[in-house]
Amino acid sequence: PMPEMFEDPAYAYSTHWYLSTSQISSENFASYGWSEVSPKGYGIAYNVRRESLLVHIACMRNEHGLDSGRLAASLEAAATDVRAMLLADQHGRRGRSHM
């Protein structure tokens, strides 16, 4: 008989990859790609560099409403907010002594 775990709806849900990511941190790669592994998902490749972050987003435009441009804009806005927070904190710490 099939173990109960495989009959659970949570198991069925977990077998679909809605977000597939890959990371490479090297100044030597100008670009590389990654793809979605499900028609209902996104594929995101990112490259963390000293002075920048490169992101490649892939998805199939279909009836599921996926939009790589919209996701890219949201990620850029979030990264800009985080950068501003970190820079504000960095500037704030310069005026204080550290124990």
N, C-alpha and C. Protein backbone atom coordinates (compact mmCIF):
# COMPACT_ATOMS: atom_id res chain seq x y z
N PRO A 1 0.83 -1.21 0.00
CA PRO A 1 0.00 0.00 0.00
C PRO A 1 0.87 1.27 0.00
N MET A 2 0.31 2.33 -0.54
CA MET A 2 0.99 3.62 -0.59
C MET A 2 1.04 4.22 0.83
N PRO A 3 2.22 4.64 1.30
CA PRO A 3 2.28 5.29 2.62
C PRO A 3 1.40 6.54 2.65
N GLU A 4 0.77 6.79 3.79
CA GLU A 4 -0.17 7.90 3.93
C GLU A 4 0.44 9.24 3.55
N MET A 5 1.71 9.42 3.82
CA MET A 5 2.38 10.69 3.53
C MET A 5 2.19 11.10 2.07
N PHE A 6 2.26 10.13 1.17
CA PHE A 6 2.16 10.41 -0.26
C PHE A 6 0.73 10.73 -0.71
N GLU A 7 -0.23 10.49 0.16
CA GLU A 7 -1.63 10.81 -0.13
C GLU A 7 -2.02 12.19 0.39
N ASP A 8 -1.16 12.78 1.20
CA ASP A 8 -1.45 14.07 1.83
C ASP A 8 -1.38 15.21 0.80
N PRO A 9 -2.34 16.14 0.80
CA PRO A 9 -2.31 17.28 -0.13
C PRO A 9 -1.04 18.13 0.02
N ALA A 10 -0.48 18.19 1.22
CA ALA A 10 0.76 18.95 1.43
C ALA A 10 1.91 18.32 0.63
N TYR A 11 1.92 17.02 0.53
CA TYR A 11 2.95 16.35 -0.26
C TYR A 11 2.80 16.72 -1.73
N ALA A 12 1.59 16.68 -2.24
CA ALA A 12 1.36 17.03 -3.65
C ALA A 12 1.80 18.46 -3.91
N TYR A 13 1.48 19.37 -2.99
CA TYR A 13 1.86 20.78 -3.14
C TYR A 13 3.38 20.92 -3.15
N SER A 14 4.06 20.17 -2.29
CA SER A 14 5.52 20.30 -2.17
C SER A 14 6.29 19.72 -3.35
N THR A 15 5.63 19.00 -4.22
CA THR A 15 6.33 18.42 -5.37
C THR A 15 6.42 19.38 -6.55
N HIS A 16 5.79 20.55 -6.43
CA HIS A 16 5.87 21.58 -7.47
C HIS A 16 6.84 22.66 -7.03
N TRP A 17 7.76 22.99 -7.90
CA TRP A 17 8.76 24.02 -7.59
C TRP A 17 8.26 25.36 -8.12
N TYR A 18 7.75 26.19 -7.23
CA TYR A 18 7.24 27.50 -7.63
C TYR A 18 8.36 28.53 -7.73
N LEU A 19 9.46 28.26 -7.06
CA LEU A 19 10.62 29.14 -7.12
C LEU A 19 11.87 28.28 -7.17
N SER A 20 12.61 28.39 -8.25
CA SER A 20 13.85 27.65 -8.42
C SER A 20 14.98 28.66 -8.54
N THR A 21 15.97 28.57 -7.66
CA THR A 21 17.04 29.57 -7.64
C THR A 21 18.41 28.93 -7.78
N SER A 22 19.34 29.74 -8.25
CA SER A 22 20.74 29.33 -8.33
C SER A 22 21.59 30.57 -8.14
N GLN A 23 22.70 30.40 -7.47
CA GLN A 23 23.56 31.54 -7.15
C GLN A 23 25.00 31.24 -7.55
N ILE A 24 25.67 32.26 -8.04
CA ILE A 24 27.10 32.18 -8.31
C ILE A 24 27.69 33.53 -7.93
N SER A 25 28.75 33.52 -7.18
CA SER A 25 29.39 34.78 -6.77
C SER A 25 30.78 34.82 -7.38
N SER A 26 30.87 35.50 -8.50
CA SER A 26 32.14 35.64 -9.19
C SER A 26 32.11 36.88 -10.05
N GLU A 27 33.16 37.63 -10.02
CA GLU A 27 33.28 38.81 -10.88
C GLU A 27 33.58 38.38 -12.32
N ASN A 28 33.88 37.11 -12.54
CA ASN A 28 34.29 36.62 -13.85
C ASN A 28 33.14 36.22 -14.77
N PHE A 29 31.93 36.18 -14.25
CA PHE A 29 30.78 35.82 -15.07
C PHE A 29 30.00 37.08 -15.40
N ALA A 30 29.90 37.42 -16.67
CA ALA A 30 29.16 38.60 -17.09
C ALA A 30 27.66 38.34 -16.97
N SER A 31 27.25 37.12 -17.24
CA SER A 31 25.84 36.77 -17.20
C SER A 31 25.71 35.26 -17.28
N TYR A 32 24.64 34.77 -16.76
CA TYR A 32 24.28 33.37 -16.94
C TYR A 32 22.80 33.24 -16.66
N GLY A 33 22.23 32.14 -17.00
CA GLY A 33 20.78 32.01 -16.89
C GLY A 33 20.35 30.83 -16.06
N TRP A 34 19.09 30.86 -15.77
CA TRP A 34 18.44 29.81 -14.99
C TRP A 34 17.02 29.79 -15.48
N SER A 35 16.35 28.71 -15.36
CA SER A 35 15.00 28.65 -15.90
C SER A 35 14.02 28.12 -14.86
N GLU A 36 12.77 28.40 -15.10
CA GLU A 36 11.73 27.86 -14.23
C GLU A 36 11.65 26.36 -14.45
N VAL A 37 11.23 25.64 -13.43
CA VAL A 37 11.09 24.19 -13.56
C VAL A 37 9.63 23.77 -13.53
N SER A 38 8.74 24.76 -13.48
CA SER A 38 7.30 24.51 -13.48
C SER A 38 6.62 25.62 -14.27
N PRO A 39 5.58 25.31 -15.03
CA PRO A 39 4.86 26.35 -15.75
C PRO A 39 4.23 27.38 -14.81
N LYS A 40 4.08 27.01 -13.52
CA LYS A 40 3.50 27.92 -12.54
C LYS A 40 4.57 28.60 -11.69
N GLY A 41 5.83 28.54 -12.10
CA GLY A 41 6.89 29.05 -11.24
C GLY A 41 7.89 29.97 -11.92
N TYR A 42 8.80 30.47 -11.12
CA TYR A 42 9.88 31.35 -11.57
C TYR A 42 11.21 30.64 -11.42
N GLY A 43 12.14 30.99 -12.30
CA GLY A 43 13.54 30.59 -12.16
C GLY A 43 14.35 31.86 -11.94
N ILE A 44 15.13 31.91 -10.89
CA ILE A 44 15.92 33.10 -10.58
C ILE A 44 17.37 32.71 -10.38
N ALA A 45 18.24 33.33 -11.17
CA ALA A 45 19.68 33.18 -10.99
C ALA A 45 20.20 34.52 -10.49
N TYR A 46 21.11 34.47 -9.53
CA TYR A 46 21.66 35.74 -9.04
C TYR A 46 23.15 35.62 -8.82
N ASN A 47 23.83 36.74 -9.00
CA ASN A 47 25.28 36.81 -8.89
C ASN A 47 25.61 37.98 -7.96
N VAL A 48 26.09 37.66 -6.77
CA VAL A 48 26.46 38.67 -5.79
C VAL A 48 27.88 39.11 -6.07
N ARG A 49 28.04 40.39 -6.35
CA ARG A 49 29.36 40.95 -6.64
C ARG A 49 29.72 41.99 -5.59
N ARG A 50 30.94 42.45 -5.65
CA ARG A 50 31.41 43.43 -4.67
C ARG A 50 30.58 44.72 -4.70
N GLU A 51 30.25 45.20 -5.88
CA GLU A 51 29.55 46.48 -6.02
C GLU A 51 28.17 46.36 -6.67
N SER A 52 27.72 45.14 -6.93
CA SER A 52 26.44 45.01 -7.60
C SER A 52 25.83 43.63 -7.36
N LEU A 53 24.61 43.50 -7.79
CA LEU A 53 23.88 42.24 -7.73
C LEU A 53 23.22 42.04 -9.08
N LEU A 54 23.60 40.99 -9.79
CA LEU A 54 22.97 40.66 -11.08
C LEU A 54 21.88 39.62 -10.84
N VAL A 55 20.73 39.84 -11.44
CA VAL A 55 19.61 38.91 -11.26
C VAL A 55 19.02 38.59 -12.63
N HIS A 56 18.80 37.31 -12.89
CA HIS A 56 18.15 36.83 -14.11
C HIS A 56 16.86 36.14 -13.68
N ILE A 57 15.73 36.59 -14.21
CA ILE A 57 14.43 36.02 -13.84
C ILE A 57 13.78 35.42 -15.08
N ALA A 58 13.31 34.20 -14.96
CA ALA A 58 12.64 33.53 -16.08
C ALA A 58 11.30 32.97 -15.60
N CYS A 59 10.32 33.04 -16.48
CA CYS A 59 9.03 32.40 -16.23
C CYS A 59 8.29 32.30 -17.56
N MET A 60 7.31 31.44 -17.58
CA MET A 60 6.46 31.32 -18.76
C MET A 60 5.28 32.26 -18.56
N ARG A 61 5.03 33.13 -19.53
CA ARG A 61 3.83 33.96 -19.46
C ARG A 61 2.66 33.08 -19.87
N ASN A 62 1.75 32.88 -18.97
CA ASN A 62 0.64 31.97 -19.26
C ASN A 62 -0.57 32.36 -18.42
N GLU A 63 -1.50 31.49 -18.34
CA GLU A 63 -2.74 31.77 -17.62
C GLU A 63 -2.55 31.90 -16.11
N HIS A 64 -1.36 31.64 -15.61
CA HIS A 64 -1.12 31.72 -14.17
C HIS A 64 -0.74 33.13 -13.72
N GLY A 65 -0.63 34.08 -14.67
CA GLY A 65 -0.38 35.46 -14.31
C GLY A 65 1.06 35.79 -13.93
N LEU A 66 1.98 34.94 -14.30
CA LEU A 66 3.39 35.20 -13.99
C LEU A 66 3.92 36.32 -14.87
N ASP A 67 4.81 37.13 -14.31
CA ASP A 67 5.37 38.26 -15.06
C ASP A 67 6.76 38.56 -14.52
N SER A 68 7.79 38.20 -15.28
CA SER A 68 9.16 38.40 -14.82
C SER A 68 9.49 39.89 -14.66
N GLY A 69 8.93 40.75 -15.49
CA GLY A 69 9.17 42.19 -15.37
C GLY A 69 8.62 42.75 -14.07
N ARG A 70 7.43 42.31 -13.69
CA ARG A 70 6.82 42.77 -12.44
C ARG A 70 7.62 42.27 -11.24
N LEU A 71 8.06 41.01 -11.29
CA LEU A 71 8.88 40.47 -10.20
C LEU A 71 10.21 41.21 -10.12
N ALA A 72 10.83 41.50 -11.28
CA ALA A 72 12.10 42.23 -11.29
C ALA A 72 11.93 43.62 -10.66
N ALA A 73 10.86 44.31 -10.99
CA ALA A 73 10.61 45.64 -10.43
C ALA A 73 10.43 45.56 -8.91
N SER A 74 9.74 44.54 -8.45
CA SER A 74 9.53 44.37 -7.00
C SER A 74 10.85 44.05 -6.29
N LEU A 75 11.66 43.19 -6.89
CA LEU A 75 12.96 42.86 -6.29
C LEU A 75 13.88 44.08 -6.27
N GLU A 76 13.86 44.86 -7.35
CA GLU A 76 14.69 46.06 -7.40
C GLU A 76 14.26 47.07 -6.33
N ALA A 77 12.96 47.25 -6.15
CA ALA A 77 12.46 48.17 -5.13
C ALA A 77 12.87 47.70 -3.73
N ALA A 78 12.75 46.41 -3.48
CA ALA A 78 13.13 45.87 -2.18
C ALA A 78 14.64 46.02 -1.94
N ALA A 79 15.45 45.73 -2.95
CA ALA A 79 16.90 45.86 -2.82
C ALA A 79 17.31 47.32 -2.60
N THR A 80 16.62 48.24 -3.26
CA THR A 80 16.89 49.67 -3.08
C THR A 80 16.56 50.09 -1.65
N ASP A 81 15.44 49.60 -1.12
CA ASP A 81 15.07 49.90 0.27
C ASP A 81 16.10 49.36 1.26
N VAL A 82 16.55 48.13 1.05
CA VAL A 82 17.55 47.53 1.93
C VAL A 82 18.86 48.32 1.86
N ARG A 83 19.26 48.69 0.66
CA ARG A 83 20.49 49.48 0.49
C ARG A 83 20.40 50.80 1.25
N ALA A 84 19.27 51.49 1.11
CA ALA A 84 19.08 52.77 1.79
C ALA A 84 19.14 52.59 3.31
N MET A 85 18.53 51.51 3.81
CA MET A 85 18.56 51.23 5.24
C MET A 85 19.98 51.00 5.73
N LEU A 86 20.74 50.19 4.98
CA LEU A 86 22.11 49.88 5.37
C LEU A 86 22.99 51.12 5.32
N LEU A 87 22.83 51.93 4.29
CA LEU A 87 23.63 53.15 4.19
C LEU A 87 23.28 54.13 5.31
N ALA A 88 22.00 54.25 5.65
CA ALA A 88 21.59 55.13 6.74
C ALA A 88 22.20 54.66 8.06
N ASP A 89 22.18 53.35 8.29
CA ASP A 89 22.75 52.79 9.51
C ASP A 89 24.26 53.02 9.54
N GLN A 90 24.91 52.82 8.40
CA GLN A 90 26.36 53.01 8.31
C GLN A 90 26.71 54.47 8.63
N HIS A 91 25.97 55.41 8.08
CA HIS A 91 26.23 56.83 8.34
C HIS A 91 25.93 57.17 9.80
N GLY A 92 24.91 56.57 10.38
CA GLY A 92 24.57 56.81 11.77
C GLY A 92 25.62 56.31 12.73
N ARG A 93 26.27 55.21 12.39
CA ARG A 93 27.30 54.62 13.27
C ARG A 93 28.60 55.41 13.24
N ARG A 94 28.85 56.14 12.17
CA ARG A 94 30.10 56.89 12.08
C ARG A 94 30.21 57.94 13.19
N GLY A 95 29.07 58.47 13.62
CA GLY A 95 29.08 59.52 14.63
C GLY A 95 29.14 58.99 16.06
N ARG A 96 29.01 57.68 16.25
CA ARG A 96 29.01 57.09 17.59
C ARG A 96 30.31 56.35 17.84
N SER A 97 30.73 56.32 19.06
CA SER A 97 31.93 55.54 19.41
C SER A 97 31.52 54.10 19.66
N HIS A 98 32.38 53.19 19.36
CA HIS A 98 32.11 51.76 19.56
C HIS A 98 32.88 51.28 20.77
N MET A 99 32.23 50.52 21.63
CA MET A 99 32.90 50.00 22.83
C MET A 99 33.41 48.63 22.58
